N, C-alpha and C. Protein backbone atom coordinates (compact mmCIF):
# COMPACT_ATOMS: atom_id res chain seq x y z
N MET A 1 -93.93 -6.14 -30.28
CA MET A 1 -94.81 -6.39 -28.68
C MET A 1 -95.97 -5.14 -28.80
N ILE A 2 -96.90 -5.55 -28.33
CA ILE A 2 -98.00 -4.52 -28.01
C ILE A 2 -97.85 -3.58 -26.80
N SER A 3 -97.45 -2.33 -26.82
CA SER A 3 -97.28 -1.80 -25.51
C SER A 3 -98.36 -0.93 -24.89
N SER A 4 -99.47 -0.81 -25.79
CA SER A 4 -100.67 -0.19 -25.21
C SER A 4 -102.02 -0.44 -26.16
N LEU A 5 -103.11 -0.01 -25.56
CA LEU A 5 -104.22 -0.42 -26.41
C LEU A 5 -105.08 0.95 -25.87
N ARG A 6 -105.92 1.46 -26.81
CA ARG A 6 -107.07 2.50 -26.64
C ARG A 6 -108.10 2.03 -27.53
N GLY A 7 -109.18 1.89 -26.49
CA GLY A 7 -110.37 1.45 -27.44
C GLY A 7 -111.64 1.54 -26.53
N SER A 8 -112.75 0.85 -26.99
CA SER A 8 -114.09 0.69 -26.21
C SER A 8 -113.89 -0.65 -25.43
N ALA A 9 -114.45 -0.56 -24.08
CA ALA A 9 -114.67 -1.81 -23.39
C ALA A 9 -115.85 -2.39 -23.69
N VAL A 10 -115.84 -3.53 -24.40
CA VAL A 10 -117.16 -4.12 -24.95
C VAL A 10 -117.66 -5.38 -24.01
N HIS A 11 -116.81 -5.81 -23.04
CA HIS A 11 -117.10 -6.71 -22.12
C HIS A 11 -116.06 -6.45 -20.89
N VAL A 12 -116.76 -6.42 -19.67
CA VAL A 12 -116.06 -6.33 -18.44
C VAL A 12 -116.34 -7.64 -17.58
N GLU A 13 -115.46 -8.32 -16.95
CA GLU A 13 -115.56 -9.06 -15.52
C GLU A 13 -114.50 -8.76 -14.75
N PRO A 14 -114.79 -9.39 -13.39
CA PRO A 14 -113.64 -9.36 -12.58
C PRO A 14 -112.31 -9.75 -13.01
N GLY A 15 -111.42 -8.80 -13.03
CA GLY A 15 -110.07 -9.06 -13.32
C GLY A 15 -109.54 -9.17 -15.05
N ALA A 16 -110.80 -8.83 -15.77
CA ALA A 16 -110.58 -8.75 -17.37
C ALA A 16 -111.26 -7.77 -17.86
N LEU A 17 -110.79 -7.42 -19.14
CA LEU A 17 -111.68 -6.76 -19.95
C LEU A 17 -111.63 -7.15 -21.54
N ILE A 18 -112.44 -7.01 -22.31
CA ILE A 18 -112.26 -7.05 -23.66
C ILE A 18 -112.34 -5.66 -24.41
N VAL A 19 -111.24 -5.25 -24.94
CA VAL A 19 -110.94 -3.60 -25.61
C VAL A 19 -110.99 -3.99 -26.92
N GLU A 20 -111.76 -3.32 -27.60
CA GLU A 20 -112.19 -3.31 -28.92
C GLU A 20 -111.34 -2.25 -29.66
N VAL A 21 -110.51 -2.35 -30.51
CA VAL A 21 -109.60 -1.40 -31.16
C VAL A 21 -109.68 -1.87 -32.73
N GLY A 22 -110.20 -0.75 -33.10
CA GLY A 22 -110.36 -0.80 -34.86
C GLY A 22 -111.25 -2.18 -35.22
N GLY A 23 -112.19 -2.58 -34.44
CA GLY A 23 -113.19 -3.63 -34.81
C GLY A 23 -112.49 -5.01 -34.35
N VAL A 24 -111.06 -5.03 -33.77
CA VAL A 24 -110.68 -6.13 -33.12
C VAL A 24 -110.58 -6.26 -31.54
N GLY A 25 -111.34 -7.28 -30.94
CA GLY A 25 -111.48 -7.33 -29.54
C GLY A 25 -110.20 -8.07 -29.03
N PHE A 26 -109.48 -7.45 -27.76
CA PHE A 26 -108.36 -7.74 -27.15
C PHE A 26 -108.79 -8.23 -25.78
N ALA A 27 -108.52 -9.33 -25.38
CA ALA A 27 -108.97 -9.98 -24.06
C ALA A 27 -107.85 -9.55 -23.39
N VAL A 28 -107.74 -8.70 -22.02
CA VAL A 28 -106.82 -8.02 -21.38
C VAL A 28 -107.00 -8.61 -19.96
N ALA A 29 -106.31 -9.06 -19.14
CA ALA A 29 -106.11 -9.16 -18.05
C ALA A 29 -105.90 -7.79 -17.21
N VAL A 30 -106.50 -7.70 -16.29
CA VAL A 30 -106.21 -6.52 -15.46
C VAL A 30 -106.31 -6.33 -14.07
N PRO A 31 -105.77 -5.61 -13.29
CA PRO A 31 -106.00 -5.38 -11.75
C PRO A 31 -107.17 -5.16 -11.41
N ALA A 32 -107.96 -5.89 -10.37
CA ALA A 32 -109.21 -5.70 -9.99
C ALA A 32 -109.68 -4.30 -9.92
N THR A 33 -109.01 -3.50 -9.40
CA THR A 33 -109.37 -2.11 -9.27
C THR A 33 -109.77 -1.52 -10.57
N LEU A 34 -108.92 -1.98 -11.56
CA LEU A 34 -109.29 -1.26 -13.02
C LEU A 34 -110.69 -1.89 -13.51
N SER A 35 -110.87 -3.16 -13.54
CA SER A 35 -112.13 -3.86 -13.92
C SER A 35 -113.27 -3.43 -13.09
N GLN A 36 -113.05 -3.06 -11.88
CA GLN A 36 -114.20 -2.43 -10.84
C GLN A 36 -114.75 -0.93 -11.22
N ALA A 37 -113.63 -0.34 -11.94
CA ALA A 37 -114.06 0.84 -12.13
C ALA A 37 -114.37 1.27 -13.64
N THR A 38 -114.40 0.08 -14.36
CA THR A 38 -114.76 0.12 -16.01
C THR A 38 -116.09 -0.42 -16.04
N ARG A 39 -116.80 0.16 -17.23
CA ARG A 39 -118.09 -0.17 -17.62
C ARG A 39 -118.13 -0.24 -19.20
N VAL A 40 -119.01 -1.22 -19.42
CA VAL A 40 -119.10 -1.61 -20.79
C VAL A 40 -119.34 -0.23 -21.54
N GLY A 41 -118.79 0.17 -22.93
CA GLY A 41 -119.10 1.23 -23.37
C GLY A 41 -117.93 2.37 -23.14
N ASP A 42 -116.99 2.44 -22.04
CA ASP A 42 -116.15 3.29 -21.69
C ASP A 42 -115.12 3.25 -22.45
N GLU A 43 -114.35 4.25 -22.78
CA GLU A 43 -113.04 4.21 -23.75
C GLU A 43 -112.20 3.86 -22.65
N VAL A 44 -110.99 3.09 -23.00
CA VAL A 44 -110.19 2.56 -21.74
C VAL A 44 -108.77 2.88 -22.87
N HIS A 45 -107.59 3.28 -21.91
CA HIS A 45 -106.46 3.30 -22.32
C HIS A 45 -105.46 2.46 -21.31
N VAL A 46 -104.85 1.38 -21.70
CA VAL A 46 -104.03 0.47 -21.28
C VAL A 46 -102.63 0.34 -21.57
N HIS A 47 -101.80 0.46 -20.71
CA HIS A 47 -100.34 0.00 -20.74
C HIS A 47 -100.14 -1.63 -20.76
N THR A 48 -99.79 -2.18 -21.76
CA THR A 48 -99.70 -3.64 -21.69
C THR A 48 -98.54 -4.43 -21.84
N TRP A 49 -98.71 -5.70 -21.32
CA TRP A 49 -97.62 -6.49 -21.50
C TRP A 49 -97.76 -7.67 -21.84
N LEU A 50 -97.16 -8.32 -22.91
CA LEU A 50 -97.73 -9.81 -23.62
C LEU A 50 -96.82 -10.87 -23.03
N VAL A 51 -97.17 -11.80 -22.59
CA VAL A 51 -96.63 -12.88 -21.84
C VAL A 51 -97.11 -13.95 -22.83
N VAL A 52 -96.04 -14.55 -23.48
CA VAL A 52 -95.85 -15.64 -24.50
C VAL A 52 -95.56 -16.86 -23.90
N ARG A 53 -96.66 -17.93 -24.14
CA ARG A 53 -96.39 -19.30 -23.54
C ARG A 53 -96.50 -20.18 -24.74
N GLU A 54 -96.04 -21.61 -24.87
CA GLU A 54 -96.06 -22.37 -25.92
C GLU A 54 -97.55 -22.75 -26.33
N ASP A 55 -98.43 -22.53 -25.21
CA ASP A 55 -99.92 -22.78 -25.26
C ASP A 55 -100.79 -21.46 -25.20
N ALA A 56 -100.31 -20.32 -25.30
CA ALA A 56 -101.05 -19.24 -25.21
C ALA A 56 -100.27 -17.92 -25.20
N LEU A 57 -101.11 -16.70 -25.63
CA LEU A 57 -100.71 -15.58 -25.68
C LEU A 57 -101.43 -14.77 -24.69
N THR A 58 -100.93 -14.18 -23.52
CA THR A 58 -101.82 -13.44 -22.84
C THR A 58 -101.50 -11.97 -22.68
N LEU A 59 -102.48 -11.19 -22.68
CA LEU A 59 -102.05 -9.71 -22.55
C LEU A 59 -102.58 -9.13 -21.28
N PHE A 60 -101.64 -8.44 -20.34
CA PHE A 60 -101.93 -7.88 -19.16
C PHE A 60 -102.08 -6.38 -19.33
N GLY A 61 -102.89 -5.60 -18.81
CA GLY A 61 -102.91 -4.28 -18.84
C GLY A 61 -103.08 -3.64 -17.47
N PHE A 62 -102.64 -2.31 -17.97
CA PHE A 62 -102.61 -1.39 -16.32
C PHE A 62 -102.94 0.25 -16.77
N ALA A 63 -103.48 1.04 -15.82
CA ALA A 63 -103.96 2.05 -16.18
C ALA A 63 -102.89 3.14 -16.15
N THR A 64 -101.73 2.77 -15.50
CA THR A 64 -100.49 3.56 -15.68
C THR A 64 -99.10 2.90 -15.76
N ARG A 65 -98.06 3.81 -16.29
CA ARG A 65 -96.97 3.27 -16.60
C ARG A 65 -96.23 2.50 -15.50
N ASP A 66 -96.60 2.92 -14.14
CA ASP A 66 -96.02 2.85 -12.68
C ASP A 66 -96.57 1.45 -12.47
N GLU A 67 -97.85 1.07 -12.80
CA GLU A 67 -98.18 -0.17 -12.49
C GLU A 67 -97.67 -1.11 -13.44
N LEU A 68 -97.33 -0.88 -14.57
CA LEU A 68 -96.53 -1.59 -15.72
C LEU A 68 -95.35 -1.81 -15.21
N ALA A 69 -94.60 -0.92 -14.87
CA ALA A 69 -93.30 -1.09 -14.45
C ALA A 69 -93.05 -1.72 -13.03
N ALA A 70 -94.23 -1.71 -12.25
CA ALA A 70 -94.29 -2.57 -11.04
C ALA A 70 -94.20 -4.14 -11.48
N PHE A 71 -95.43 -4.15 -12.37
CA PHE A 71 -95.44 -5.73 -12.79
C PHE A 71 -94.11 -6.36 -13.29
N SER A 72 -93.20 -5.59 -14.29
CA SER A 72 -92.34 -5.96 -14.76
C SER A 72 -91.32 -6.27 -13.42
N LEU A 73 -91.29 -5.57 -12.46
CA LEU A 73 -90.25 -5.88 -11.57
C LEU A 73 -90.58 -7.06 -10.76
N LEU A 74 -91.73 -7.22 -10.55
CA LEU A 74 -92.42 -8.23 -9.82
C LEU A 74 -92.02 -9.74 -10.68
N LEU A 75 -92.15 -9.66 -11.91
CA LEU A 75 -92.11 -10.74 -12.83
C LEU A 75 -90.42 -11.26 -12.44
N GLY A 76 -89.77 -10.33 -12.37
CA GLY A 76 -88.24 -10.81 -11.99
C GLY A 76 -87.90 -11.31 -10.59
N VAL A 77 -88.83 -11.63 -9.92
CA VAL A 77 -88.76 -12.07 -8.48
C VAL A 77 -89.13 -13.57 -8.60
N SER A 78 -87.89 -14.47 -8.15
CA SER A 78 -88.23 -15.67 -8.03
C SER A 78 -89.75 -16.32 -7.62
N GLY A 79 -90.30 -17.06 -8.08
CA GLY A 79 -91.55 -17.45 -7.78
C GLY A 79 -92.84 -16.80 -8.10
N VAL A 80 -92.51 -15.76 -8.49
CA VAL A 80 -93.83 -14.85 -8.96
C VAL A 80 -93.90 -15.01 -10.51
N GLY A 81 -95.30 -15.40 -10.80
CA GLY A 81 -95.72 -15.51 -12.17
C GLY A 81 -96.30 -14.27 -12.68
N PRO A 82 -97.06 -14.24 -13.84
CA PRO A 82 -97.78 -12.96 -14.09
C PRO A 82 -99.09 -12.92 -13.47
N LYS A 83 -99.93 -13.98 -12.88
CA LYS A 83 -101.09 -14.23 -12.22
C LYS A 83 -100.71 -13.42 -10.72
N SER A 84 -99.58 -13.93 -10.25
CA SER A 84 -99.25 -13.55 -8.84
C SER A 84 -98.73 -12.24 -8.84
N ALA A 85 -98.37 -11.74 -9.65
CA ALA A 85 -97.75 -10.38 -10.05
C ALA A 85 -99.22 -9.38 -10.27
N LEU A 86 -100.27 -9.81 -10.97
CA LEU A 86 -101.39 -9.01 -11.17
C LEU A 86 -102.04 -9.12 -9.54
N GLY A 87 -101.98 -10.34 -9.02
CA GLY A 87 -102.61 -10.19 -7.84
C GLY A 87 -102.24 -9.21 -6.83
N VAL A 88 -100.95 -9.20 -6.79
CA VAL A 88 -100.17 -8.19 -6.12
C VAL A 88 -100.75 -6.76 -6.33
N LEU A 89 -100.58 -6.42 -7.51
CA LEU A 89 -100.97 -5.09 -7.70
C LEU A 89 -102.79 -4.75 -7.71
N SER A 90 -103.43 -5.86 -7.77
CA SER A 90 -104.80 -6.05 -7.44
C SER A 90 -105.10 -5.63 -5.82
N VAL A 91 -104.50 -6.18 -4.88
CA VAL A 91 -104.37 -6.36 -3.62
C VAL A 91 -103.88 -4.95 -3.27
N LEU A 92 -102.81 -4.38 -3.69
CA LEU A 92 -102.01 -3.58 -2.88
C LEU A 92 -101.82 -2.25 -3.71
N GLY A 93 -101.88 -2.44 -5.02
CA GLY A 93 -101.67 -1.09 -5.78
C GLY A 93 -100.29 -0.82 -5.58
N VAL A 94 -99.58 0.17 -6.51
CA VAL A 94 -98.46 0.71 -6.52
C VAL A 94 -97.94 1.42 -5.52
N ASP A 95 -99.07 1.95 -4.40
CA ASP A 95 -98.55 3.08 -3.51
C ASP A 95 -98.14 1.84 -2.18
N GLN A 96 -99.09 0.94 -2.14
CA GLN A 96 -98.99 0.13 -0.84
C GLN A 96 -98.04 -0.67 -1.13
N LEU A 97 -97.45 -1.14 -2.30
CA LEU A 97 -96.51 -1.97 -2.58
C LEU A 97 -95.22 -1.35 -2.19
N ALA A 98 -95.20 -0.23 -2.72
CA ALA A 98 -93.89 0.78 -2.60
C ALA A 98 -93.58 1.03 -0.87
N ALA A 99 -94.84 1.10 -0.28
CA ALA A 99 -94.82 1.23 1.29
C ALA A 99 -94.38 -0.03 1.75
N ALA A 100 -94.80 -1.23 1.55
CA ALA A 100 -94.54 -2.34 2.21
C ALA A 100 -92.87 -2.80 1.88
N VAL A 101 -92.37 -2.38 0.62
CA VAL A 101 -91.02 -2.40 0.36
C VAL A 101 -90.19 -1.77 1.67
N ALA A 102 -90.43 -0.30 1.34
CA ALA A 102 -89.90 0.66 2.22
C ALA A 102 -89.68 0.39 3.77
N ASN A 103 -90.89 -0.16 4.20
CA ASN A 103 -91.12 -0.82 5.66
C ASN A 103 -90.58 -2.14 5.59
N GLU A 104 -90.22 -2.75 4.82
CA GLU A 104 -89.82 -4.34 4.99
C GLU A 104 -90.97 -5.09 5.68
N ASP A 105 -92.03 -4.56 5.28
CA ASP A 105 -93.23 -5.28 6.03
C ASP A 105 -94.11 -6.22 5.00
N GLU A 106 -94.26 -7.65 5.66
CA GLU A 106 -94.95 -8.72 4.76
C GLU A 106 -96.21 -8.63 5.10
N LYS A 107 -96.94 -8.25 5.89
CA LYS A 107 -98.15 -8.30 6.19
C LYS A 107 -99.07 -7.75 5.04
N PRO A 108 -98.74 -6.82 4.41
CA PRO A 108 -99.88 -6.64 3.27
C PRO A 108 -99.96 -7.62 2.35
N PHE A 109 -99.03 -8.57 2.14
CA PHE A 109 -98.86 -9.58 1.11
C PHE A 109 -99.94 -10.52 1.49
N ARG A 110 -100.28 -10.64 2.68
CA ARG A 110 -101.17 -11.97 3.04
C ARG A 110 -102.15 -12.28 2.50
N PRO A 111 -103.05 -11.04 2.06
CA PRO A 111 -104.51 -11.46 1.23
C PRO A 111 -104.11 -11.83 -0.17
N VAL A 112 -103.21 -11.73 -0.71
CA VAL A 112 -102.61 -11.99 -2.02
C VAL A 112 -102.63 -13.53 -2.31
N SER A 113 -103.42 -13.91 -3.09
CA SER A 113 -103.56 -15.55 -3.33
C SER A 113 -102.12 -16.03 -4.00
N GLY A 114 -101.32 -16.95 -3.61
CA GLY A 114 -100.31 -17.16 -4.16
C GLY A 114 -99.09 -16.95 -3.60
N ILE A 115 -99.08 -15.87 -2.70
CA ILE A 115 -97.68 -15.08 -2.14
C ILE A 115 -97.82 -15.71 -0.74
N GLY A 116 -96.91 -16.42 -0.62
CA GLY A 116 -96.73 -16.63 1.07
C GLY A 116 -95.72 -15.98 1.67
N PRO A 117 -95.44 -16.10 2.71
CA PRO A 117 -94.51 -15.24 3.74
C PRO A 117 -92.68 -15.29 3.06
N LYS A 118 -92.68 -16.24 2.36
CA LYS A 118 -91.25 -16.75 1.90
C LYS A 118 -91.12 -15.77 0.63
N THR A 119 -92.27 -15.96 -0.35
CA THR A 119 -92.09 -15.11 -1.67
C THR A 119 -92.40 -13.65 -1.24
N ALA A 120 -93.08 -13.31 -0.31
CA ALA A 120 -93.18 -11.98 0.39
C ALA A 120 -91.94 -11.20 0.62
N LYS A 121 -91.00 -11.89 1.28
CA LYS A 121 -89.70 -11.39 1.76
C LYS A 121 -88.81 -11.30 0.50
N LEU A 122 -89.08 -12.26 -0.86
CA LEU A 122 -88.24 -12.19 -1.75
C LEU A 122 -88.79 -10.95 -2.45
N ILE A 123 -89.85 -10.53 -2.47
CA ILE A 123 -90.57 -9.70 -3.52
C ILE A 123 -89.73 -7.98 -2.65
N ILE A 124 -89.71 -8.10 -1.31
CA ILE A 124 -89.35 -7.10 -0.61
C ILE A 124 -87.91 -6.66 -0.82
N LEU A 125 -87.19 -7.76 -0.84
CA LEU A 125 -85.76 -7.89 -0.95
C LEU A 125 -84.93 -7.46 -2.43
N SER A 126 -86.07 -7.97 -3.27
CA SER A 126 -85.83 -7.70 -4.65
C SER A 126 -86.11 -6.19 -5.12
N LEU A 127 -86.87 -5.58 -4.36
CA LEU A 127 -87.85 -4.45 -4.95
C LEU A 127 -87.13 -3.08 -4.14
N THR A 128 -86.31 -3.58 -3.26
CA THR A 128 -85.69 -2.56 -2.33
C THR A 128 -84.84 -1.71 -3.26
N GLY A 129 -84.93 -0.28 -3.09
CA GLY A 129 -84.31 0.72 -3.97
C GLY A 129 -84.76 0.57 -5.69
N LYS A 130 -85.79 -0.18 -5.72
CA LYS A 130 -86.35 0.08 -6.96
C LYS A 130 -87.62 0.55 -7.12
N VAL A 131 -88.30 0.56 -6.15
CA VAL A 131 -89.48 1.31 -5.73
C VAL A 131 -89.40 2.41 -4.75
N ILE A 132 -89.91 3.65 -5.04
CA ILE A 132 -89.65 4.62 -3.97
C ILE A 132 -91.04 5.10 -3.28
N ALA A 133 -91.43 5.11 -2.25
CA ALA A 133 -92.72 5.92 -1.66
C ALA A 133 -92.35 6.95 -0.85
N PRO A 134 -92.43 8.00 -1.81
CA PRO A 134 -92.46 9.45 -1.10
C PRO A 134 -93.93 10.07 -0.45
N VAL A 135 -93.83 10.91 0.42
CA VAL A 135 -95.26 10.98 1.04
C VAL A 135 -96.41 11.45 0.03
N GLY A 136 -97.42 10.54 0.16
CA GLY A 136 -98.32 10.89 -0.90
C GLY A 136 -98.56 9.95 -2.11
N ALA A 137 -97.15 9.50 -2.46
CA ALA A 137 -97.18 8.70 -3.75
C ALA A 137 -96.14 7.86 -3.68
N ALA A 138 -96.16 6.87 -4.70
CA ALA A 138 -95.34 5.92 -4.94
C ALA A 138 -94.62 6.38 -6.34
N SER A 139 -93.38 5.97 -6.67
CA SER A 139 -92.90 6.39 -7.80
C SER A 139 -91.97 5.20 -8.26
N ILE A 140 -92.00 5.15 -9.49
CA ILE A 140 -91.37 3.92 -10.30
C ILE A 140 -90.63 4.38 -11.23
N ALA A 141 -89.27 4.47 -11.48
CA ALA A 141 -88.60 5.22 -12.59
C ALA A 141 -88.58 4.27 -13.77
N THR A 142 -89.09 4.70 -15.03
CA THR A 142 -89.38 4.02 -16.09
C THR A 142 -88.86 4.62 -17.08
N ALA A 143 -88.34 3.95 -18.13
CA ALA A 143 -87.91 4.69 -19.58
C ALA A 143 -89.09 4.88 -20.52
N PRO A 144 -89.15 6.21 -21.20
CA PRO A 144 -90.37 6.47 -21.84
C PRO A 144 -90.29 5.23 -23.12
N PRO A 145 -91.73 4.97 -23.54
CA PRO A 145 -91.96 3.93 -24.33
C PRO A 145 -91.06 3.93 -25.67
N SER A 146 -90.82 5.13 -26.30
CA SER A 146 -90.14 4.95 -27.37
C SER A 146 -88.59 4.61 -27.13
N MET A 147 -88.25 5.20 -25.80
CA MET A 147 -86.86 4.54 -25.63
C MET A 147 -86.63 3.36 -25.41
N THR A 148 -87.77 2.68 -24.43
CA THR A 148 -87.98 1.23 -24.25
C THR A 148 -87.64 0.44 -25.61
N ASP A 149 -88.70 0.89 -26.60
CA ASP A 149 -88.74 0.08 -27.98
C ASP A 149 -87.30 0.14 -28.69
N ALA A 150 -86.46 1.31 -28.64
CA ALA A 150 -85.32 1.59 -29.34
C ALA A 150 -84.33 0.57 -28.50
N VAL A 151 -84.10 0.51 -27.25
CA VAL A 151 -83.15 -0.22 -26.66
C VAL A 151 -83.59 -1.71 -26.95
N THR A 152 -84.86 -2.01 -26.79
CA THR A 152 -85.17 -3.47 -26.94
C THR A 152 -84.89 -3.96 -28.54
N ALA A 153 -85.08 -2.99 -29.25
CA ALA A 153 -84.78 -3.51 -30.72
C ALA A 153 -83.14 -3.48 -30.85
N ALA A 154 -82.37 -2.81 -30.32
CA ALA A 154 -80.95 -2.84 -30.27
C ALA A 154 -80.50 -4.28 -29.61
N LEU A 155 -81.15 -4.54 -28.56
CA LEU A 155 -80.68 -5.53 -27.73
C LEU A 155 -81.09 -6.96 -28.52
N VAL A 156 -82.32 -6.85 -29.04
CA VAL A 156 -82.65 -7.96 -29.88
C VAL A 156 -81.73 -8.29 -30.94
N GLY A 157 -81.38 -7.25 -31.46
CA GLY A 157 -80.23 -7.27 -32.71
C GLY A 157 -78.86 -7.89 -32.37
N LEU A 158 -78.71 -7.85 -30.93
CA LEU A 158 -77.64 -8.14 -30.35
C LEU A 158 -77.63 -9.85 -30.09
N GLY A 159 -78.99 -10.46 -29.98
CA GLY A 159 -79.03 -11.75 -29.95
C GLY A 159 -80.16 -12.09 -28.52
N TRP A 160 -80.26 -11.08 -27.88
CA TRP A 160 -81.18 -11.22 -26.67
C TRP A 160 -82.66 -11.36 -26.98
N ALA A 161 -83.14 -12.30 -26.13
CA ALA A 161 -84.63 -12.37 -26.21
C ALA A 161 -85.46 -11.14 -25.99
N GLU A 162 -86.73 -11.02 -26.56
CA GLU A 162 -87.12 -9.60 -26.44
C GLU A 162 -87.76 -9.41 -24.90
N ARG A 163 -88.46 -10.72 -24.22
CA ARG A 163 -88.94 -10.72 -22.82
C ARG A 163 -87.55 -10.40 -22.02
N THR A 164 -86.52 -11.00 -22.03
CA THR A 164 -85.16 -10.77 -21.24
C THR A 164 -84.78 -9.04 -21.44
N ALA A 165 -84.72 -8.72 -22.67
CA ALA A 165 -84.49 -7.27 -22.82
C ALA A 165 -85.52 -6.14 -22.39
N VAL A 166 -86.68 -6.56 -22.18
CA VAL A 166 -87.66 -5.64 -21.61
C VAL A 166 -87.43 -5.86 -20.16
N ASP A 167 -87.17 -6.97 -19.43
CA ASP A 167 -87.02 -7.01 -18.30
C ASP A 167 -85.88 -6.34 -17.42
N ALA A 168 -84.77 -6.20 -18.31
CA ALA A 168 -83.42 -5.76 -18.02
C ALA A 168 -83.46 -4.31 -17.93
N ILE A 169 -84.52 -3.70 -19.16
CA ILE A 169 -84.71 -2.41 -19.07
C ILE A 169 -85.43 -1.73 -18.13
N ALA A 170 -86.70 -2.43 -17.75
CA ALA A 170 -87.11 -2.04 -16.65
C ALA A 170 -86.29 -2.08 -15.02
N THR A 171 -85.38 -2.87 -15.18
CA THR A 171 -84.32 -3.03 -13.88
C THR A 171 -83.47 -1.86 -13.86
N ALA A 172 -82.88 -1.42 -15.13
CA ALA A 172 -81.89 -0.58 -15.59
C ALA A 172 -82.68 0.95 -15.29
N SER A 173 -84.00 0.88 -15.94
CA SER A 173 -84.44 2.27 -15.58
C SER A 173 -84.69 2.76 -14.20
N ALA A 174 -85.16 1.63 -13.25
CA ALA A 174 -85.05 1.96 -11.97
C ALA A 174 -83.92 2.59 -11.29
N GLU A 175 -82.82 2.45 -11.65
CA GLU A 175 -81.74 3.01 -11.07
C GLU A 175 -80.98 4.11 -12.11
N ALA A 176 -81.66 4.47 -13.04
CA ALA A 176 -81.25 5.59 -14.19
C ALA A 176 -81.54 6.88 -13.57
N SER A 177 -80.82 8.02 -14.04
CA SER A 177 -80.80 9.07 -13.76
C SER A 177 -81.77 9.78 -15.00
N ASP A 178 -82.48 10.95 -14.98
CA ASP A 178 -83.06 11.86 -16.08
C ASP A 178 -82.50 11.87 -17.04
N ALA A 179 -81.25 12.54 -17.03
CA ALA A 179 -80.43 12.26 -18.50
C ALA A 179 -80.06 11.04 -18.81
N ASP A 180 -79.83 10.01 -18.18
CA ASP A 180 -79.88 8.63 -18.68
C ASP A 180 -81.16 8.19 -19.33
N LEU A 181 -82.34 8.52 -18.84
CA LEU A 181 -83.66 8.12 -19.72
C LEU A 181 -83.81 8.75 -20.38
N ALA A 182 -83.01 9.81 -21.02
CA ALA A 182 -83.40 10.77 -22.24
C ALA A 182 -82.41 10.14 -23.32
N SER A 183 -81.43 9.16 -22.90
CA SER A 183 -80.31 8.84 -23.92
C SER A 183 -80.67 7.51 -24.37
N VAL A 184 -80.59 7.07 -25.68
CA VAL A 184 -80.62 5.61 -26.24
C VAL A 184 -79.37 4.98 -25.82
N SER A 185 -78.25 5.50 -25.89
CA SER A 185 -77.03 4.99 -25.81
C SER A 185 -76.51 4.64 -24.30
N ALA A 186 -77.19 5.83 -23.49
CA ALA A 186 -77.01 5.51 -22.12
C ALA A 186 -77.76 4.57 -21.58
N MET A 187 -79.04 4.46 -21.95
CA MET A 187 -79.63 3.26 -21.41
C MET A 187 -79.69 2.02 -21.97
N LEU A 188 -78.89 1.94 -23.08
CA LEU A 188 -78.37 0.51 -23.59
C LEU A 188 -77.00 0.19 -22.83
N ARG A 189 -76.28 1.19 -22.45
CA ARG A 189 -75.08 0.94 -21.94
C ARG A 189 -75.51 0.35 -20.46
N LEU A 190 -76.66 0.95 -19.64
CA LEU A 190 -77.09 0.48 -18.27
C LEU A 190 -77.52 -0.89 -18.62
N THR A 191 -78.43 -1.18 -19.59
CA THR A 191 -79.02 -2.22 -19.76
C THR A 191 -78.06 -3.42 -19.83
N LEU A 192 -77.09 -3.38 -20.47
CA LEU A 192 -76.18 -4.21 -20.99
C LEU A 192 -75.16 -4.67 -19.71
N ALA A 193 -75.26 -3.54 -18.85
CA ALA A 193 -74.37 -3.87 -17.39
C ALA A 193 -75.41 -4.65 -16.45
N THR A 194 -77.04 -4.24 -16.75
CA THR A 194 -77.62 -5.31 -15.94
C THR A 194 -77.78 -6.50 -16.17
N LEU A 195 -77.62 -6.73 -17.66
CA LEU A 195 -77.61 -8.31 -17.92
C LEU A 195 -76.15 -8.75 -17.67
N GLY A 196 -75.33 -8.24 -17.34
CA GLY A 196 -74.20 -8.58 -17.22
C GLY A 196 -73.52 -9.52 -18.09
N PRO A 197 -72.19 -10.42 -17.97
CA PRO A 197 -71.29 -11.03 -18.80
C PRO A 197 -72.06 -12.14 -19.84
N ALA A 198 -73.25 -12.79 -19.26
CA ALA A 198 -73.94 -13.63 -19.75
C ALA A 198 -74.07 -13.43 -21.35
N ARG A 199 -73.92 -14.68 -22.08
CA ARG A 199 -74.02 -14.61 -23.41
C ARG A 199 -75.53 -14.30 -23.86
N PRO A 200 -75.91 -13.83 -25.04
CA PRO A 200 -77.53 -13.67 -25.11
C PRO A 200 -77.93 -15.30 -25.44
N GLY A 201 -77.18 -16.17 -25.90
CA GLY A 201 -77.70 -17.48 -26.19
C GLY A 201 -78.12 -17.95 -24.51
N GLY A 202 -77.66 -17.56 -23.34
CA GLY A 202 -78.09 -18.02 -22.14
C GLY A 202 -78.87 -17.22 -21.33
N ALA A 203 -79.51 -16.23 -22.30
CA ALA A 203 -80.41 -15.11 -21.59
C ALA A 203 -81.73 -16.03 -21.21
N ARG A 204 -82.19 -15.47 -20.27
CA ARG A 204 -83.64 -15.95 -19.90
C ARG A 204 -84.56 -15.75 -20.80
N ILE A 205 -85.69 -16.31 -21.06
CA ILE A 205 -86.86 -16.20 -21.84
C ILE A 205 -88.10 -16.47 -21.36
């Protein structure tokens, strides 16, 4: 799994970058705020999420791990696909998303293409308790990259699909303590609890 990219922006367009790393150009879909702030030639570092489809591999990139964690949580909401999740973060950002969830306010979602009132309600319901909006900033608990990789590898070894494993880790991280986030065994236990009694063969892909 491609977890991050650091390289030079060789092409910039609204909502997308091409980042050249070691002579290879990676097309990355990004929030509009990131593409607007990037110029050709800038060195960029993006935290990434690879979406695998039968007919395409699409890489989504974010300036912070909080944005990546929010993207992961949004993908877990029924009716929210990668493009809609990216749209939410392009329009709201993490801080406003957290505030909307905390205030149970659907209005900030209205400008987001593909997000109707019913889906906005589902987002608020699904993300309640998982995103926190303290004064001045939003905070989304997330496991360190090395921890995520280790727990993902363990779950894949047990038969879970990688995408299912990463989604479950993001959900478990939002409820984990600092001590849990520092322990592979603790995070594995919490993530297995999040996955529930379903067998790996029946996991979401």
